[in-house]
Amino acid sequence: MLYLIDGYNLLFSGAGRVPRGPEDLETAREELARLLARFHAAHRGRSIVVFDCRKPFFLFGLPRRQRRGDVELRFAGEDATADDVLRDLVREARDPQGTTLVTSDREILDAARERGVRTVASRAFWAELTEEARGTEGAGGHRAGTKGRAPAPPADPAEHPGKRSGISDGEVDYWMREFGIGKDEPLE
């Protein structure tokens, strides 16, 4: 089973905290990679996790793809978003029925369903990952009723509450500095 994962959508859907800066994002991505490695130790398959991330490549020379066993982390380039990359991966899937898309982005979910790709809401998949990491799986290493299958999505996946409430003043200050916008410069 190939899992195509909307990285930040998954992290922000259930991580319980919002990363506050580049170091937090790196830590969150590494923890996600560890959770997925555990998941693949119990379930056959591999994951491609796609993140929106442009600036670090220019600053630090990071590779656009990083592989950790059965988990590949990909970073969208300057001319694409993670959503664009995921749509391409869905369209190019050799085995749509053997592919699962993990996101709560309805536009990408619709494209995946049209192609016959299985879909799982980010919040439901996060719950499965963290449940297995806590060791609460049933007999045989799988949660009851999910052996070899992706968890069923909820009927109406809810958006993460932080998505609509905006960002804190500290986050605004961080991104203003990151983009080089001074306090005296007008915003257009």
Protein backbone atom coordinates (compact mmCIF):
# COMPACT_ATOMS: atom_id res chain seq x y z
CA MET A 1 0.00 0.00 0.00
CA LEU A 2 1.31 3.42 -0.96
CA TYR A 3 0.28 6.30 1.31
CA LEU A 4 0.39 9.79 -0.18
CA ILE A 5 0.31 12.20 2.75
CA ASP A 6 -0.35 15.94 2.94
CA GLY A 7 2.36 16.54 5.55
CA TYR A 8 1.41 19.81 7.20
CA ASN A 9 -2.30 19.03 6.85
CA LEU A 10 -1.70 15.85 8.85
CA LEU A 11 0.52 17.53 11.44
CA PHE A 12 -1.84 20.45 12.02
CA SER A 13 -4.92 18.20 12.13
CA GLY A 14 -4.03 16.33 15.25
CA ALA A 15 -0.63 17.16 16.62
CA GLY A 16 -2.16 19.07 19.52
CA ARG A 17 0.24 21.95 19.07
CA VAL A 18 1.15 24.28 16.28
CA PRO A 19 4.86 24.47 15.46
CA ARG A 20 6.10 28.03 16.11
CA GLY A 21 9.18 28.26 13.92
CA PRO A 22 11.59 26.37 11.67
CA GLU A 23 13.08 24.31 14.52
CA ASP A 24 9.61 23.24 15.67
CA LEU A 25 8.67 22.32 12.11
CA GLU A 26 11.78 20.19 11.71
CA THR A 27 11.08 18.44 15.02
CA ALA A 28 7.44 17.85 14.00
CA ARG A 29 8.49 16.43 10.60
CA GLU A 30 11.00 14.09 12.26
CA GLU A 31 8.40 12.86 14.75
CA LEU A 32 5.97 12.24 11.90
CA ALA A 33 8.63 10.23 10.05
CA ARG A 34 9.19 8.12 13.21
CA LEU A 35 5.45 7.51 13.64
CA LEU A 36 5.14 6.47 10.00
CA ALA A 37 8.14 4.12 10.31
CA ARG A 38 6.36 2.42 13.24
CA PHE A 39 3.16 2.29 11.21
CA HIS A 40 4.97 0.59 8.32
CA ALA A 41 6.59 -1.88 10.71
CA ALA A 42 3.04 -3.08 11.49
CA HIS A 43 1.46 -2.53 8.06
CA ARG A 44 2.94 -3.27 4.69
CA GLY A 45 3.58 -0.29 2.50
CA ARG A 46 5.41 2.95 2.22
CA SER A 47 4.64 6.65 2.49
CA ILE A 48 5.42 9.74 0.48
CA VAL A 49 4.86 12.77 2.71
CA VAL A 50 4.69 16.10 0.89
CA PHE A 51 5.33 19.46 2.58
CA ASP A 52 5.15 23.06 1.44
CA CYS A 53 8.68 24.31 2.02
CA ARG A 54 10.68 26.61 -0.17
CA LYS A 55 13.06 28.89 1.69
CA PRO A 56 15.12 26.29 3.62
CA PHE A 57 16.43 24.86 0.34
CA PHE A 58 17.98 28.16 -0.57
CA LEU A 59 19.31 28.88 2.92
CA PHE A 60 20.64 25.49 3.91
CA GLY A 61 20.93 23.48 0.71
CA LEU A 62 18.53 20.80 1.97
CA PRO A 63 17.52 18.10 -0.52
CA ARG A 64 13.98 18.23 -1.85
CA ARG A 65 13.62 14.53 -1.03
CA GLN A 66 14.72 12.72 2.09
CA ARG A 67 14.31 8.98 2.57
CA ARG A 68 13.98 7.22 5.91
CA GLY A 69 13.32 3.57 5.18
CA ASP A 70 9.74 3.23 3.95
CA VAL A 71 9.10 6.95 4.45
CA GLU A 72 10.01 9.56 1.86
CA LEU A 73 9.73 13.24 2.74
CA ARG A 74 9.28 15.54 -0.25
CA PHE A 75 9.29 19.31 -0.25
CA ALA A 76 7.38 21.25 -2.89
CA GLY A 77 9.58 23.53 -4.93
CA GLU A 78 9.31 27.23 -5.52
CA ASP A 79 6.93 26.75 -8.46
CA ALA A 80 4.51 24.29 -6.80
CA THR A 81 2.59 23.67 -3.60
CA ALA A 82 2.25 20.41 -1.68
CA ASP A 83 -1.30 20.22 -3.07
CA ASP A 84 0.07 20.41 -6.64
CA VAL A 85 2.59 17.65 -5.94
CA LEU A 86 -0.08 15.43 -4.35
CA ARG A 87 -2.45 15.93 -7.30
CA ASP A 88 0.38 14.88 -9.64
CA LEU A 89 1.18 11.82 -7.52
CA VAL A 90 -2.51 10.82 -7.48
CA ARG A 91 -2.74 11.25 -11.25
CA GLU A 92 0.46 9.23 -11.81
CA ALA A 93 -0.34 6.40 -9.35
CA ARG A 94 0.31 3.05 -11.09
CA ASP A 95 -2.08 1.24 -8.74
CA PRO A 96 -4.87 3.61 -7.66
CA GLN A 97 -6.66 0.91 -5.67
CA GLY A 98 -3.41 0.20 -3.80
CA THR A 99 -2.90 3.87 -2.99
CA THR A 100 -4.30 5.84 -0.06
CA LEU A 101 -4.35 9.64 0.11
CA VAL A 102 -4.20 11.19 3.59
CA THR A 103 -5.49 14.77 3.70
CA SER A 104 -8.49 16.82 4.72
CA ASP A 105 -8.22 19.10 1.70
CA ARG A 106 -11.49 18.51 -0.16
CA GLU A 107 -10.18 19.47 -3.60
CA ILE A 108 -7.41 16.85 -3.44
CA LEU A 109 -9.78 14.29 -1.89
CA ASP A 110 -12.19 14.77 -4.80
CA ALA A 111 -9.39 14.29 -7.37
CA ALA A 112 -8.25 11.12 -5.59
CA ARG A 113 -11.75 9.66 -5.43
CA GLU A 114 -12.26 10.32 -9.16
CA ARG A 115 -9.09 8.31 -9.82
CA GLY A 116 -10.16 5.44 -7.54
CA VAL A 117 -7.58 6.22 -4.84
CA ARG A 118 -8.65 5.42 -1.29
CA THR A 119 -8.88 8.44 1.01
CA VAL A 120 -8.47 8.97 4.74
CA ALA A 121 -9.07 12.21 6.63
CA SER A 122 -5.93 13.54 8.29
CA ARG A 123 -7.45 13.58 11.77
CA ALA A 124 -8.49 9.89 11.51
CA PHE A 125 -5.07 8.84 10.24
CA TRP A 126 -3.29 10.86 12.96
CA ALA A 127 -5.43 9.08 15.56
CA GLU A 128 -4.40 5.71 14.13
CA LEU A 129 -0.70 6.64 14.08
CA THR A 130 -0.66 7.90 17.64
CA GLU A 131 -2.80 5.04 18.94
CA GLU A 132 -0.34 2.51 17.54
CA ALA A 133 2.58 4.49 18.93
CA ARG A 134 0.99 4.33 22.40
CA GLY A 135 0.75 0.55 22.06
CA THR A 136 -3.04 0.28 22.19
CA GLU A 137 -3.39 -1.91 19.12
CA GLY A 138 -5.29 -5.17 19.29
CA ALA A 139 -3.97 -8.69 19.00
CA GLY A 140 -1.54 -9.30 16.18
CA GLY A 141 -0.21 -5.74 16.08
CA HIS A 142 -3.22 -4.19 14.39
CA ARG A 143 -6.15 -2.29 15.73
CA ALA A 144 -9.24 -4.45 15.65
CA GLY A 145 -10.96 -4.35 12.28
CA THR A 146 -8.20 -2.47 10.43
CA LYS A 147 -5.69 -5.19 9.58
CA GLY A 148 -4.10 -4.28 6.27
CA ARG A 149 -6.54 -1.44 5.64
CA ALA A 150 -6.40 2.29 6.09
CA PRO A 151 -8.72 3.63 8.80
CA ALA A 152 -12.15 4.74 7.61
CA PRO A 153 -12.54 8.51 7.33
CA PRO A 154 -15.13 10.24 9.49
CA ALA A 155 -18.38 11.16 7.74
CA ASP A 156 -17.50 14.88 7.70
CA PRO A 157 -13.85 15.61 8.51
CA ALA A 158 -13.65 18.73 10.65
CA GLU A 159 -11.03 21.33 9.98
CA HIS A 160 -8.45 22.01 12.63
CA PRO A 161 -9.80 24.94 14.71
CA GLY A 162 -6.54 26.88 14.30
CA LYS A 163 -7.01 26.96 10.53
CA ARG A 164 -9.80 29.52 10.78
CA SER A 165 -8.77 31.39 13.93
CA GLY A 166 -5.58 32.83 12.48
CA ILE A 167 -2.12 33.07 13.95
CA SER A 168 -0.76 34.62 17.12
CA ASP A 169 1.01 37.99 17.32
CA GLY A 170 4.29 36.14 17.84
CA GLU A 171 3.76 34.17 14.63
CA VAL A 172 2.96 37.38 12.74
CA ASP A 173 6.19 38.93 14.03
CA TYR A 174 8.16 35.82 13.05
CA TRP A 175 6.82 35.78 9.48
CA MET A 176 7.20 39.55 9.10
CA ARG A 177 10.90 39.16 9.95
CA GLU A 178 11.18 36.06 7.75
CA PHE A 179 9.84 37.94 4.72
CA GLY A 180 11.82 41.09 5.53
CA ILE A 181 8.80 43.30 6.12
CA GLY A 182 9.53 46.13 8.54
CA LYS A 183 7.04 47.69 10.92
CA ASP A 184 7.15 51.00 9.00
CA GLU A 185 6.55 49.43 5.59
CA PRO A 186 2.96 49.47 4.33
CA LEU A 187 1.41 46.09 3.56
CA GLU A 188 -0.28 45.86 0.19
